[in-house]
Amino acid sequence: MICIKNGILHTAITKDVFVADLLIEHGKIVKIGKNISAENAEEIDVSGYHVYPGFIDAHCHIGLDGYGIGYEGQDYNELNDPVTPQVQAIDGINPFDPCVNYPRFKGHGLVTAQSY
């Protein structure tokens, strides 16, 4: 269990930001409030830091454009056939593309990406 203390919270539910604590158990927020304490919880003081929910990129081309490869590496749009239900972005992602830095995206808060 982790208790994030005194963060400036942006909840994506309320318009206003506020200072509060977050109690996280098994990777899920179980409580938001002031002065939360939980037995055996690791406390992390984030006073002065902004806390955001994870970001979701609903349309991206991460890993689908192999820079420097040319036409063969452009897997984000199928240009050879106007109707391609058999083509999926997952088949075009190159996780070894040196231009794609997946840990960097994760480190900046991206938790889900939908490649097209």
PDB file of N, CA and C in Angstrom:
ATOM      1  N   MET A   1       0.846  -1.164   0.000  1.00  0.00           N
ATOM      2  CA  MET A   1       0.000   0.000   0.000  1.00  0.00           C
ATOM      3  C   MET A   1       0.898   1.237   0.000  1.00  0.00           C
ATOM      4  N   ILE A   2       0.495   2.256  -0.749  1.00  0.00           N
ATOM      5  CA  ILE A   2       1.242   3.509  -0.855  1.00  0.00           C
ATOM      6  C   ILE A   2       0.304   4.661  -0.525  1.00  0.00           C
ATOM      7  N   CYS A   3       0.794   5.615   0.260  1.00  0.00           N
ATOM      8  CA  CYS A   3       0.027   6.828   0.549  1.00  0.00           C
ATOM      9  C   CYS A   3       0.812   8.018   0.023  1.00  0.00           C
ATOM     10  N   ILE A   4       0.284   8.660  -0.992  1.00  0.00           N
ATOM     11  CA  ILE A   4       0.908   9.846  -1.569  1.00  0.00           C
ATOM     12  C   ILE A   4       0.326  11.043  -0.821  1.00  0.00           C
ATOM     13  N   LYS A   5       1.188  11.781  -0.128  1.00  0.00           N
ATOM     14  CA  LYS A   5       0.751  12.832   0.779  1.00  0.00           C
ATOM     15  C   LYS A   5       0.919  14.224   0.172  1.00  0.00           C
ATOM     16  N   ASN A   6      -0.075  15.080   0.396  1.00  0.00           N
ATOM     17  CA  ASN A   6      -0.016  16.529   0.122  1.00  0.00           C
ATOM     18  C   ASN A   6       0.198  16.894  -1.342  1.00  0.00           C
ATOM     19  N   GLY A   7      -0.303  16.097  -2.259  1.00  0.00           N
ATOM     20  CA  GLY A   7      -0.163  16.395  -3.676  1.00  0.00           C
ATOM     21  C   GLY A   7      -1.194  17.410  -4.143  1.00  0.00           C
ATOM     22  N   ILE A   8      -0.848  18.173  -5.158  1.00  0.00           N
ATOM     23  CA  ILE A   8      -1.796  19.084  -5.803  1.00  0.00           C
ATOM     24  C   ILE A   8      -2.501  18.241  -6.863  1.00  0.00           C
ATOM     25  N   LEU A   9      -3.739  17.849  -6.582  1.00  0.00           N
ATOM     26  CA  LEU A   9      -4.429  16.860  -7.410  1.00  0.00           C
ATOM     27  C   LEU A   9      -5.226  17.483  -8.547  1.00  0.00           C
ATOM     28  N   HIS A  10      -5.077  16.882  -9.712  1.00  0.00           N
ATOM     29  CA  HIS A  10      -5.881  17.167 -10.899  1.00  0.00           C
ATOM     30  C   HIS A  10      -6.623  15.859 -11.171  1.00  0.00           C
ATOM     31  N   THR A  11      -7.904  15.802 -10.838  1.00  0.00           N
ATOM     32  CA  THR A  11      -8.606  14.516 -10.878  1.00  0.00           C
ATOM     33  C   THR A  11      -9.259  14.190 -12.212  1.00  0.00           C
ATOM     34  N   ALA A  12      -9.394  15.130 -13.106  1.00  0.00           N
ATOM     35  CA  ALA A  12     -10.093  14.952 -14.380  1.00  0.00           C
ATOM     36  C   ALA A  12     -11.591  14.800 -14.160  1.00  0.00           C
ATOM     37  N   ILE A  13     -12.050  14.937 -12.923  1.00  0.00           N
ATOM     38  CA  ILE A  13     -13.476  14.898 -12.606  1.00  0.00           C
ATOM     39  C   ILE A  13     -13.947  16.282 -12.180  1.00  0.00           C
ATOM     40  N   THR A  14     -13.106  16.963 -11.389  1.00  0.00           N
ATOM     41  CA  THR A  14     -13.445  18.311 -10.938  1.00  0.00           C
ATOM     42  C   THR A  14     -12.622  19.333 -11.701  1.00  0.00           C
ATOM     43  N   LYS A  15     -13.168  20.511 -11.870  1.00  0.00           N
ATOM     44  CA  LYS A  15     -12.490  21.569 -12.593  1.00  0.00           C
ATOM     45  C   LYS A  15     -11.348  22.157 -11.769  1.00  0.00           C
ATOM     46  N   ASP A  16     -11.579  22.264 -10.461  1.00  0.00           N
ATOM     47  CA  ASP A  16     -10.593  22.881  -9.586  1.00  0.00           C
ATOM     48  C   ASP A  16      -9.586  21.854  -9.082  1.00  0.00           C
ATOM     49  N   VAL A  17      -8.348  22.317  -8.884  1.00  0.00           N
ATOM     50  CA  VAL A  17      -7.328  21.461  -8.285  1.00  0.00           C
ATOM     51  C   VAL A  17      -7.376  21.651  -6.772  1.00  0.00           C
ATOM     52  N   PHE A  18      -6.875  20.682  -6.038  1.00  0.00           N
ATOM     53  CA  PHE A  18      -6.895  20.765  -4.588  1.00  0.00           C
ATOM     54  C   PHE A  18      -5.751  19.939  -4.018  1.00  0.00           C
ATOM     55  N   VAL A  19      -5.393  20.235  -2.787  1.00  0.00           N
ATOM     56  CA  VAL A  19      -4.325  19.502  -2.110  1.00  0.00           C
ATOM     57  C   VAL A  19      -4.951  18.385  -1.282  1.00  0.00           C
ATOM     58  N   ALA A  20      -4.460  17.163  -1.456  1.00  0.00           N
ATOM     59  CA  ALA A  20      -5.003  16.019  -0.730  1.00  0.00           C
ATOM     60  C   ALA A  20      -4.011  14.868  -0.774  1.00  0.00           C
ATOM     61  N   ASP A  21      -4.384  13.792  -0.111  1.00  0.00           N
ATOM     62  CA  ASP A  21      -3.599  12.559  -0.086  1.00  0.00           C
ATOM     63  C   ASP A  21      -4.303  11.501  -0.935  1.00  0.00           C
ATOM     64  N   LEU A  22      -3.514  10.583  -1.460  1.00  0.00           N
ATOM     65  CA  LEU A  22      -4.049   9.439  -2.218  1.00  0.00           C
ATOM     66  C   LEU A  22      -3.593   8.156  -1.541  1.00  0.00           C
ATOM     67  N   LEU A  23      -4.510   7.243  -1.325  1.00  0.00           N
ATOM     68  CA  LEU A  23      -4.148   5.930  -0.812  1.00  0.00           C
ATOM     69  C   LEU A  23      -4.299   4.936  -1.962  1.00  0.00           C
ATOM     70  N   ILE A  24      -3.216   4.246  -2.271  1.00  0.00           N
ATOM     71  CA  ILE A  24      -3.186   3.327  -3.406  1.00  0.00           C
ATOM     72  C   ILE A  24      -2.926   1.918  -2.895  1.00  0.00           C
ATOM     73  N   GLU A  25      -3.782   0.992  -3.318  1.00  0.00           N
ATOM     74  CA  GLU A  25      -3.631  -0.398  -2.922  1.00  0.00           C
ATOM     75  C   GLU A  25      -3.741  -1.272  -4.165  1.00  0.00           C
ATOM     76  N   HIS A  26      -2.767  -2.126  -4.377  1.00  0.00           N
ATOM     77  CA  HIS A  26      -2.713  -3.021  -5.547  1.00  0.00           C
ATOM     78  C   HIS A  26      -2.850  -2.233  -6.852  1.00  0.00           C
ATOM     79  N   GLY A  27      -2.208  -1.060  -6.919  1.00  0.00           N
ATOM     80  CA  GLY A  27      -2.200  -0.267  -8.136  1.00  0.00           C
ATOM     81  C   GLY A  27      -3.448   0.541  -8.394  1.00  0.00           C
ATOM     82  N   LYS A  28      -4.391   0.572  -7.450  1.00  0.00           N
ATOM     83  CA  LYS A  28      -5.640   1.321  -7.636  1.00  0.00           C
ATOM     84  C   LYS A  28      -5.831   2.309  -6.496  1.00  0.00           C
ATOM     85  N   ILE A  29      -6.351   3.473  -6.840  1.00  0.00           N
ATOM     86  CA  ILE A  29      -6.652   4.484  -5.821  1.00  0.00           C
ATOM     87  C   ILE A  29      -7.874   4.012  -5.048  1.00  0.00           C
ATOM     88  N   VAL A  30      -7.731   3.881  -3.736  1.00  0.00           N
ATOM     89  CA  VAL A  30      -8.847   3.426  -2.909  1.00  0.00           C
ATOM     90  C   VAL A  30      -9.426   4.550  -2.051  1.00  0.00           C
ATOM     91  N   LYS A  31      -8.646   5.644  -1.890  1.00  0.00           N
ATOM     92  CA  LYS A  31      -9.159   6.742  -1.078  1.00  0.00           C
ATOM     93  C   LYS A  31      -8.439   8.028  -1.432  1.00  0.00           C
ATOM     94  N   ILE A  32      -9.207   9.123  -1.481  1.00  0.00           N
ATOM     95  CA  ILE A  32      -8.667  10.465  -1.662  1.00  0.00           C
ATOM     96  C   ILE A  32      -9.204  11.313  -0.519  1.00  0.00           C
ATOM     97  N   GLY A  33      -8.319  12.022   0.169  1.00  0.00           N
ATOM     98  CA  GLY A  33      -8.775  12.862   1.273  1.00  0.00           C
ATOM     99  C   GLY A  33      -7.619  13.540   1.965  1.00  0.00           C
ATOM    100  N   LYS A  34      -7.941  14.258   3.022  1.00  0.00           N
ATOM    101  CA  LYS A  34      -6.935  14.967   3.819  1.00  0.00           C
ATOM    102  C   LYS A  34      -6.468  14.081   4.963  1.00  0.00           C
ATOM    103  N   ASN A  35      -5.200  14.167   5.268  1.00  0.00           N
ATOM    104  CA  ASN A  35      -4.603  13.493   6.424  1.00  0.00           C
ATOM    105  C   ASN A  35      -4.914  11.995   6.484  1.00  0.00           C
ATOM    106  N   ILE A  36      -4.776  11.322   5.360  1.00  0.00           N
ATOM    107  CA  ILE A  36      -4.989   9.880   5.323  1.00  0.00           C
ATOM    108  C   ILE A  36      -3.793   9.193   5.979  1.00  0.00           C
ATOM    109  N   SER A  37      -4.069   8.233   6.798  1.00  0.00           N
ATOM    110  CA  SER A  37      -2.991   7.393   7.334  1.00  0.00           C
ATOM    111  C   SER A  37      -3.470   5.951   7.266  1.00  0.00           C
ATOM    112  N   ALA A  38      -2.567   5.097   6.887  1.00  0.00           N
ATOM    113  CA  ALA A  38      -2.897   3.679   6.784  1.00  0.00           C
ATOM    114  C   ALA A  38      -1.734   2.882   7.358  1.00  0.00           C
ATOM    115  N   GLU A  39      -2.067   1.886   8.133  1.00  0.00           N
ATOM    116  CA  GLU A  39      -1.053   1.044   8.737  1.00  0.00           C
ATOM    117  C   GLU A  39      -0.291   0.298   7.655  1.00  0.00           C
ATOM    118  N   ASN A  40       1.010   0.251   7.773  1.00  0.00           N
ATOM    119  CA  ASN A  40       1.909  -0.451   6.847  1.00  0.00           C
ATOM    120  C   ASN A  40       1.963   0.170   5.454  1.00  0.00           C
ATOM    121  N   ALA A  41       1.482   1.401   5.299  1.00  0.00           N
ATOM    122  CA  ALA A  41       1.549   2.054   3.988  1.00  0.00           C
ATOM    123  C   ALA A  41       2.859   2.829   3.865  1.00  0.00           C
ATOM    124  N   GLU A  42       3.491   2.712   2.705  1.00  0.00           N
ATOM    125  CA  GLU A  42       4.674   3.526   2.415  1.00  0.00           C
ATOM    126  C   GLU A  42       4.180   4.942   2.113  1.00  0.00           C
ATOM    127  N   GLU A  43       4.697   5.929   2.827  1.00  0.00           N
ATOM    128  CA  GLU A  43       4.270   7.315   2.615  1.00  0.00           C
ATOM    129  C   GLU A  43       5.279   8.049   1.753  1.00  0.00           C
ATOM    130  N   ILE A  44       4.760   8.753   0.763  1.00  0.00           N
ATOM    131  CA  ILE A  44       5.588   9.568  -0.130  1.00  0.00           C
ATOM    132  C   ILE A  44       5.048  10.981  -0.075  1.00  0.00           C
ATOM    133  N   ASP A  45       5.867  11.915   0.402  1.00  0.00           N
ATOM    134  CA  ASP A  45       5.434  13.315   0.498  1.00  0.00           C
ATOM    135  C   ASP A  45       5.737  14.018  -0.825  1.00  0.00           C
ATOM    136  N   VAL A  46       4.692  14.491  -1.487  1.00  0.00           N
ATOM    137  CA  VAL A  46       4.847  15.165  -2.777  1.00  0.00           C
ATOM    138  C   VAL A  46       4.405  16.626  -2.680  1.00  0.00           C
ATOM    139  N   SER A  47       4.609  17.227  -1.509  1.00  0.00           N
ATOM    140  CA  SER A  47       4.215  18.628  -1.295  1.00  0.00           C
ATOM    141  C   SER A  47       4.770  19.509  -2.405  1.00  0.00           C
ATOM    142  N   GLY A  48       3.906  20.319  -2.991  1.00  0.00           N
ATOM    143  CA  GLY A  48       4.309  21.226  -4.056  1.00  0.00           C
ATOM    144  C   GLY A  48       4.319  20.614  -5.445  1.00  0.00           C
ATOM    145  N   TYR A  49       4.110  19.311  -5.552  1.00  0.00           N
ATOM    146  CA  TYR A  49       4.095  18.637  -6.851  1.00  0.00           C
ATOM    147  C   TYR A  49       2.658  18.402  -7.315  1.00  0.00           C
ATOM    148  N   HIS A  50       2.475  18.461  -8.624  1.00  0.00           N
ATOM    149  CA  HIS A  50       1.161  18.216  -9.226  1.00  0.00           C
ATOM    150  C   HIS A  50       1.019  16.729  -9.511  1.00  0.00           C
ATOM    151  N   VAL A  51      -0.159  16.183  -9.212  1.00  0.00           N
ATOM    152  CA  VAL A  51      -0.440  14.763  -9.434  1.00  0.00           C
ATOM    153  C   VAL A  51      -1.597  14.660 -10.420  1.00  0.00           C
ATOM    154  N   TYR A  52      -1.352  13.983 -11.536  1.00  0.00           N
ATOM    155  CA  TYR A  52      -2.345  13.835 -12.594  1.00  0.00           C
ATOM    156  C   TYR A  52      -2.731  12.371 -12.747  1.00  0.00           C
ATOM    157  N   PRO A  53      -3.907  12.114 -13.303  1.00  0.00           N
ATOM    158  CA  PRO A  53      -4.226  10.731 -13.666  1.00  0.00           C
ATOM    159  C   PRO A  53      -3.360  10.338 -14.863  1.00  0.00           C
ATOM    160  N   GLY A  54      -3.266   9.053 -15.151  1.00  0.00           N
ATOM    161  CA  GLY A  54      -2.503   8.609 -16.310  1.00  0.00           C
ATOM    162  C   GLY A  54      -3.110   9.148 -17.588  1.00  0.00           C
ATOM    163  N   PHE A  55      -2.269   9.468 -18.549  1.00  0.00           N
ATOM    164  CA  PHE A  55      -2.735  10.002 -19.822  1.00  0.00           C
ATOM    165  C   PHE A  55      -3.036   8.871 -20.797  1.00  0.00           C
ATOM    166  N   ILE A  56      -4.087   9.034 -21.576  1.00  0.00           N
ATOM    167  CA  ILE A  56      -4.468   8.070 -22.600  1.00  0.00           C
ATOM    168  C   ILE A  56      -4.394   8.772 -23.947  1.00  0.00           C
ATOM    169  N   ASP A  57      -3.610   8.238 -24.856  1.00  0.00           N
ATOM    170  CA  ASP A  57      -3.516   8.769 -26.201  1.00  0.00           C
ATOM    171  C   ASP A  57      -4.411   7.905 -27.080  1.00  0.00           C
ATOM    172  N   ALA A  58      -5.576   8.437 -27.436  1.00  0.00           N
ATOM    173  CA  ALA A  58      -6.580   7.654 -28.154  1.00  0.00           C
ATOM    174  C   ALA A  58      -6.280   7.504 -29.644  1.00  0.00           C
ATOM    175  N   HIS A  59      -5.339   8.267 -30.167  1.00  0.00           N
ATOM    176  CA  HIS A  59      -4.957   8.119 -31.579  1.00  0.00           C
ATOM    177  C   HIS A  59      -3.502   8.532 -31.719  1.00  0.00           C
ATOM    178  N   CYS A  60      -2.644   7.577 -31.989  1.00  0.00           N
ATOM    179  CA  CYS A  60      -1.221   7.891 -32.146  1.00  0.00           C
ATOM    180  C   CYS A  60      -0.604   6.978 -33.189  1.00  0.00           C
ATOM    181  N   HIS A  61       0.636   7.269 -33.514  1.00  0.00           N
ATOM    182  CA  HIS A  61       1.377   6.468 -34.473  1.00  0.00           C
ATOM    183  C   HIS A  61       2.671   5.949 -33.841  1.00  0.00           C
ATOM    184  N   ILE A  62       2.674   5.781 -32.505  1.00  0.00           N
ATOM    185  CA  ILE A  62       3.865   5.314 -31.801  1.00  0.00           C
ATOM    186  C   ILE A  62       4.292   3.961 -32.359  1.00  0.00           C
ATOM    187  N   GLY A  63       5.531   3.885 -32.816  1.00  0.00           N
ATOM    188  CA  GLY A  63       6.085   2.622 -33.300  1.00  0.00           C
ATOM    189  C   GLY A  63       5.665   2.223 -34.695  1.00  0.00           C
ATOM    190  N   LEU A  64       4.883   3.061 -35.367  1.00  0.00           N
ATOM    191  CA  LEU A  64       4.385   2.693 -36.696  1.00  0.00           C
ATOM    192  C   LEU A  64       5.097   3.405 -37.835  1.00  0.00           C
ATOM    193  N   ASP A  65       6.039   4.272 -37.522  1.00  0.00           N
ATOM    194  CA  ASP A  65       6.736   5.012 -38.566  1.00  0.00           C
ATOM    195  C   ASP A  65       8.232   4.865 -38.341  1.00  0.00           C
ATOM    196  N   GLY A  66       8.858   3.947 -39.052  1.00  0.00           N
ATOM    197  CA  GLY A  66      10.294   3.738 -38.921  1.00  0.00           C
ATOM    198  C   GLY A  66      11.058   4.821 -39.656  1.00  0.00           C
ATOM    199  N   TYR A  67      11.473   5.851 -38.934  1.00  0.00           N
ATOM    200  CA  TYR A  67      12.185   6.962 -39.553  1.00  0.00           C
ATOM    201  C   TYR A  67      13.473   6.481 -40.204  1.00  0.00           C
ATOM    202  N   GLY A  68      13.761   7.006 -41.346  1.00  0.00           N
ATOM    203  CA  GLY A  68      14.975   6.652 -42.059  1.00  0.00           C
ATOM    204  C   GLY A  68      14.851   5.398 -42.903  1.00  0.00           C
ATOM    205  N   ILE A  69      13.751   4.689 -42.791  1.00  0.00           N
ATOM    206  CA  ILE A  69      13.569   3.466 -43.565  1.00  0.00           C
ATOM    207  C   ILE A  69      12.908   3.777 -44.905  1.00  0.00           C
ATOM    208  N   GLY A  70      12.079   4.795 -44.923  1.00  0.00           N
ATOM    209  CA  GLY A  70      11.362   5.132 -46.140  1.00  0.00           C
ATOM    210  C   GLY A  70       9.977   4.516 -46.153  1.00  0.00           C
ATOM    211  N   TYR A  71       9.437   4.324 -47.330  1.00  0.00           N
ATOM    212  CA  TYR A  71       8.065   3.834 -47.498  1.00  0.00           C
ATOM    213  C   TYR A  71       7.818   2.514 -46.767  1.00  0.00           C
ATOM    214  N   GLU A  72       8.817   1.628 -46.766  1.00  0.00           N
ATOM    215  CA  GLU A  72       8.652   0.304 -46.153  1.00  0.00           C
ATOM    216  C   GLU A  72       8.369   0.389 -44.653  1.00  0.00           C
ATOM    217  N   GLY A  73       8.823   1.467 -44.009  1.00  0.00           N
ATOM    218  CA  GLY A  73       8.648   1.598 -42.569  1.00  0.00           C
ATOM    219  C   GLY A  73       7.418   2.377 -42.159  1.00  0.00           C
ATOM    220  N   GLN A  74       6.659   2.879 -43.125  1.00  0.00           N
ATOM    221  CA  GLN A  74       5.471   3.673 -42.798  1.00  0.00           C
ATOM    222  C   GLN A  74       4.265   2.747 -42.699  1.00  0.00           C
ATOM    223  N   ASP A  75       4.022   2.258 -41.486  1.00  0.00           N
ATOM    224  CA  ASP A  75       2.972   1.272 -41.274  1.00  0.00           C
ATOM    225  C   ASP A  75       1.701   1.849 -40.661  1.00  0.00           C
ATOM    226  N   TYR A  76       1.565   3.154 -40.641  1.00  0.00           N
ATOM    227  CA  TYR A  76       0.384   3.737 -40.015  1.00  0.00           C
ATOM    228  C   TYR A  76      -0.802   3.888 -40.956  1.00  0.00           C
ATOM    229  N   ASN A  77      -0.607   3.959 -42.232  1.00  0.00           N
ATOM    230  CA  ASN A  77      -1.715   4.044 -43.185  1.00  0.00           C
ATOM    231  C   ASN A  77      -1.462   3.066 -44.331  1.00  0.00           C
ATOM    232  N   GLU A  78      -2.421   2.228 -44.615  1.00  0.00           N
ATOM    233  CA  GLU A  78      -2.293   1.287 -45.723  1.00  0.00           C
ATOM    234  C   GLU A  78      -2.751   2.002 -46.993  1.00  0.00           C
ATOM    235  N   LEU A  79      -1.819   2.257 -47.898  1.00  0.00           N
ATOM    236  CA  LEU A  79      -2.120   3.029 -49.103  1.00  0.00           C
ATOM    237  C   LEU A  79      -2.353   2.158 -50.331  1.00  0.00           C
ATOM    238  N   ASN A  80      -2.112   0.855 -50.233  1.00  0.00           N
ATOM    239  CA  ASN A  80      -2.228  -0.018 -51.395  1.00  0.00           C
ATOM    240  C   ASN A  80      -3.626  -0.541 -51.626  1.00  0.00           C
ATOM    241  N   ASP A  81      -4.497  -0.426 -50.635  1.00  0.00           N
ATOM    242  CA  ASP A  81      -5.844  -0.972 -50.739  1.00  0.00           C
ATOM    243  C   ASP A  81      -6.767  -0.121 -49.868  1.00  0.00           C
ATOM    244  N   PRO A  82      -7.869   0.378 -50.404  1.00  0.00           N
ATOM    245  CA  PRO A  82      -8.750   1.247 -49.614  1.00  0.00           C
ATOM    246  C   PRO A  82      -9.529   0.516 -48.514  1.00  0.00           C
ATOM    247  N   VAL A  83      -9.710  -0.776 -48.631  1.00  0.00           N
ATOM    248  CA  VAL A  83     -10.446  -1.540 -47.621  1.00  0.00           C
ATOM    249  C   VAL A  83      -9.529  -2.656 -47.121  1.00  0.00           C
ATOM    250  N   THR A  84      -9.113  -2.548 -45.853  1.00  0.00           N
ATOM    251  CA  THR A  84      -8.161  -3.524 -45.324  1.00  0.00           C
ATOM    252  C   THR A  84      -8.545  -3.973 -43.910  1.00  0.00           C
ATOM    253  N   PRO A  85      -9.637  -4.731 -43.782  1.00  0.00           N
ATOM    254  CA  PRO A  85     -10.025  -5.183 -42.446  1.00  0.00           C
ATOM    255  C   PRO A  85      -9.019  -6.162 -41.838  1.00  0.00           C
ATOM    256  N   GLN A  86      -8.168  -6.760 -42.649  1.00  0.00           N
ATOM    257  CA  GLN A  86      -7.199  -7.720 -42.155  1.00  0.00           C
ATOM    258  C   GLN A  86      -5.945  -7.057 -41.582  1.00  0.00           C
ATOM    259  N   VAL A  87      -5.795  -5.757 -41.785  1.00  0.00           N
ATOM    260  CA  VAL A  87      -4.602  -5.044 -41.339  1.00  0.00           C
ATOM    261  C   VAL A  87      -4.846  -4.452 -39.960  1.00  0.00           C
ATOM    262  N   GLN A  88      -3.933  -4.720 -39.017  1.00  0.00           N
ATOM    263  CA  GLN A  88      -4.028  -4.175 -37.669  1.00  0.00           C
ATOM    264  C   GLN A  88      -2.725  -3.458 -37.332  1.00  0.00           C
ATOM    265  N   ALA A  89      -2.844  -2.393 -36.550  1.00  0.00           N
ATOM    266  CA  ALA A  89      -1.655  -1.633 -36.166  1.00  0.00           C
ATOM    267  C   ALA A  89      -0.647  -2.500 -35.426  1.00  0.00           C
ATOM    268  N   ILE A  90      -1.119  -3.439 -34.637  1.00  0.00           N
ATOM    269  CA  ILE A  90      -0.215  -4.294 -33.864  1.00  0.00           C
ATOM    270  C   ILE A  90       0.761  -5.046 -34.765  1.00  0.00           C
ATOM    271  N   ASP A  91       0.348  -5.334 -35.992  1.00  0.00           N
ATOM    272  CA  ASP A  91       1.221  -6.038 -36.927  1.00  0.00           C
ATOM    273  C   ASP A  91       2.316  -5.139 -37.486  1.00  0.00           C
ATOM    274  N   GLY A  92       2.152  -3.839 -37.368  1.00  0.00           N
ATOM    275  CA  GLY A  92       3.139  -2.905 -37.912  1.00  0.00           C
ATOM    276  C   GLY A  92       4.056  -2.300 -36.873  1.00  0.00           C
ATOM    277  N   ILE A  93       3.786  -2.505 -35.585  1.00  0.00           N
ATOM    278  CA  ILE A  93       4.623  -1.902 -34.540  1.00  0.00           C
ATOM    279  C   ILE A  93       5.968  -2.602 -34.474  1.00  0.00           C
ATOM    280  N   ASN A  94       7.011  -1.794 -34.467  1.00  0.00           N
ATOM    281  CA  ASN A  94       8.361  -2.305 -34.339  1.00  0.00           C
ATOM    282  C   ASN A  94       8.896  -1.883 -32.970  1.00  0.00           C
ATOM    283  N   PRO A  95       8.855  -2.767 -31.974  1.00  0.00           N
ATOM    284  CA  PRO A  95       9.308  -2.374 -30.642  1.00  0.00           C
ATOM    285  C   PRO A  95      10.810  -2.120 -30.554  1.00  0.00           C
ATOM    286  N   PHE A  96      11.558  -2.498 -31.602  1.00  0.00           N
ATOM    287  CA  PHE A  96      13.004  -2.294 -31.606  1.00  0.00           C
ATOM    288  C   PHE A  96      13.411  -1.054 -32.401  1.00  0.00           C
ATOM    289  N   ASP A  97      12.448  -0.288 -32.877  1.00  0.00           N
ATOM    290  CA  ASP A  97      12.727   0.941 -33.623  1.00  0.00           C
ATOM    291  C   ASP A  97      13.479   1.905 -32.706  1.00  0.00           C
ATOM    292  N   PRO A  98      14.704   2.289 -33.058  1.00  0.00           N
ATOM    293  CA  PRO A  98      15.482   3.177 -32.189  1.00  0.00           C
ATOM    294  C   PRO A  98      14.863   4.569 -32.040  1.00  0.00           C
ATOM    295  N   CYS A  99      13.959   4.927 -32.927  1.00  0.00           N
ATOM    296  CA  CYS A  99      13.304   6.237 -32.842  1.00  0.00           C
ATOM    297  C   CYS A  99      12.161   6.239 -31.837  1.00  0.00           C
ATOM    298  N   VAL A 100      11.747   5.075 -31.388  1.00  0.00           N
ATOM    299  CA  VAL A 100      10.641   4.961 -30.444  1.00  0.00           C
ATOM    300  C   VAL A 100      11.233   4.636 -29.074  1.00  0.00           C
ATOM    301  N   ASN A 101      10.909   5.456 -28.112  1.00  0.00           N
ATOM    302  CA  ASN A 101      11.431   5.258 -26.767  1.00  0.00           C
ATOM    303  C   ASN A 101      10.256   4.998 -25.837  1.00  0.00           C
ATOM    304  N   TYR A 102       9.800   3.751 -25.754  1.00  0.00           N
ATOM    305  CA  TYR A 102       8.630   3.414 -24.945  1.00  0.00           C
ATOM    306  C   TYR A 102       8.786   3.794 -23.472  1.00  0.00           C
ATOM    307  N   PRO A 103       9.950   3.568 -22.857  1.00  0.00           N
ATOM    308  CA  PRO A 103      10.086   3.984 -21.453  1.00  0.00           C
ATOM    309  C   PRO A 103       9.893   5.492 -21.278  1.00  0.00           C
ATOM    310  N   ARG A 104      10.286   6.294 -22.277  1.00  0.00           N
ATOM    311  CA  ARG A 104      10.097   7.743 -22.182  1.00  0.00           C
ATOM    312  C   ARG A 104       8.610   8.080 -22.129  1.00  0.00           C
ATOM    313  N   PHE A 105       7.799   7.432 -22.954  1.00  0.00           N
ATOM    314  CA  PHE A 105       6.355   7.694 -22.941  1.00  0.00           C
ATOM    315  C   PHE A 105       5.770   7.336 -21.585  1.00  0.00           C
ATOM    316  N   LYS A 106       6.156   6.175 -21.069  1.00  0.00           N
ATOM    317  CA  LYS A 106       5.664   5.725 -19.767  1.00  0.00           C
ATOM    318  C   LYS A 106       6.108   6.693 -18.669  1.00  0.00           C
ATOM    319  N   GLY A 107       7.339   7.150 -18.736  1.00  0.00           N
ATOM    320  CA  GLY A 107       7.867   8.082 -17.738  1.00  0.00           C
ATOM    321  C   GLY A 107       7.188   9.426 -17.727  1.00  0.00           C
ATOM    322  N   HIS A 108       6.560   9.781 -18.834  1.00  0.00           N
ATOM    323  CA  HIS A 108       5.829  11.045 -18.909  1.00  0.00           C
ATOM    324  C   HIS A 108       4.347  10.867 -18.612  1.00  0.00           C
ATOM    325  N   GLY A 109       3.942   9.693 -18.161  1.00  0.00           N
ATOM    326  CA  GLY A 109       2.572   9.494 -17.714  1.00  0.00           C
ATOM    327  C   GLY A 109       1.639   8.837 -18.703  1.00  0.00           C
ATOM    328  N   LEU A 110       2.126   8.423 -19.864  1.00  0.00           N
ATOM    329  CA  LEU A 110       1.261   7.757 -20.833  1.00  0.00           C
ATOM    330  C   LEU A 110       1.049   6.320 -20.380  1.00  0.00           C
ATOM    331  N   VAL A 111      -0.195   5.979 -20.079  1.00  0.00           N
ATOM    332  CA  VAL A 111      -0.496   4.632 -19.594  1.00  0.00           C
ATOM    333  C   VAL A 111      -1.158   3.763 -20.651  1.00  0.00           C
ATOM    334  N   THR A 112      -1.773   4.386 -21.649  1.00  0.00           N
ATOM    335  CA  THR A 112      -2.446   3.631 -22.709  1.00  0.00           C
ATOM    336  C   THR A 112      -2.301   4.400 -24.013  1.00  0.00           C
ATOM    337  N   ALA A 113      -2.003   3.701 -25.087  1.00  0.00           N
ATOM    338  CA  ALA A 113      -1.927   4.329 -26.398  1.00  0.00           C
ATOM    339  C   ALA A 113      -2.647   3.444 -27.403  1.00  0.00           C
ATOM    340  N   GLN A 114      -3.418   4.059 -28.262  1.00  0.00           N
ATOM    341  CA  GLN A 114      -4.140   3.348 -29.312  1.00  0.00           C
ATOM    342  C   GLN A 114      -3.517   3.741 -30.641  1.00  0.00           C
ATOM    343  N   SER A 115      -2.711   2.869 -31.208  1.00  0.00           N
ATOM    344  CA  SER A 115      -2.069   3.166 -32.488  1.00  0.00           C
ATOM    345  C   SER A 115      -3.010   2.840 -33.633  1.00  0.00           C
ATOM    346  N   TYR A 116      -3.035   3.709 -34.615  1.00  0.00           N
ATOM    347  CA  TYR A 116      -3.853   3.530 -35.807  1.00  0.00           C
ATOM    348  C   TYR A 116      -2.988   3.510 -37.023  1.00  0.00           C
TER     349      TYR A 116
END
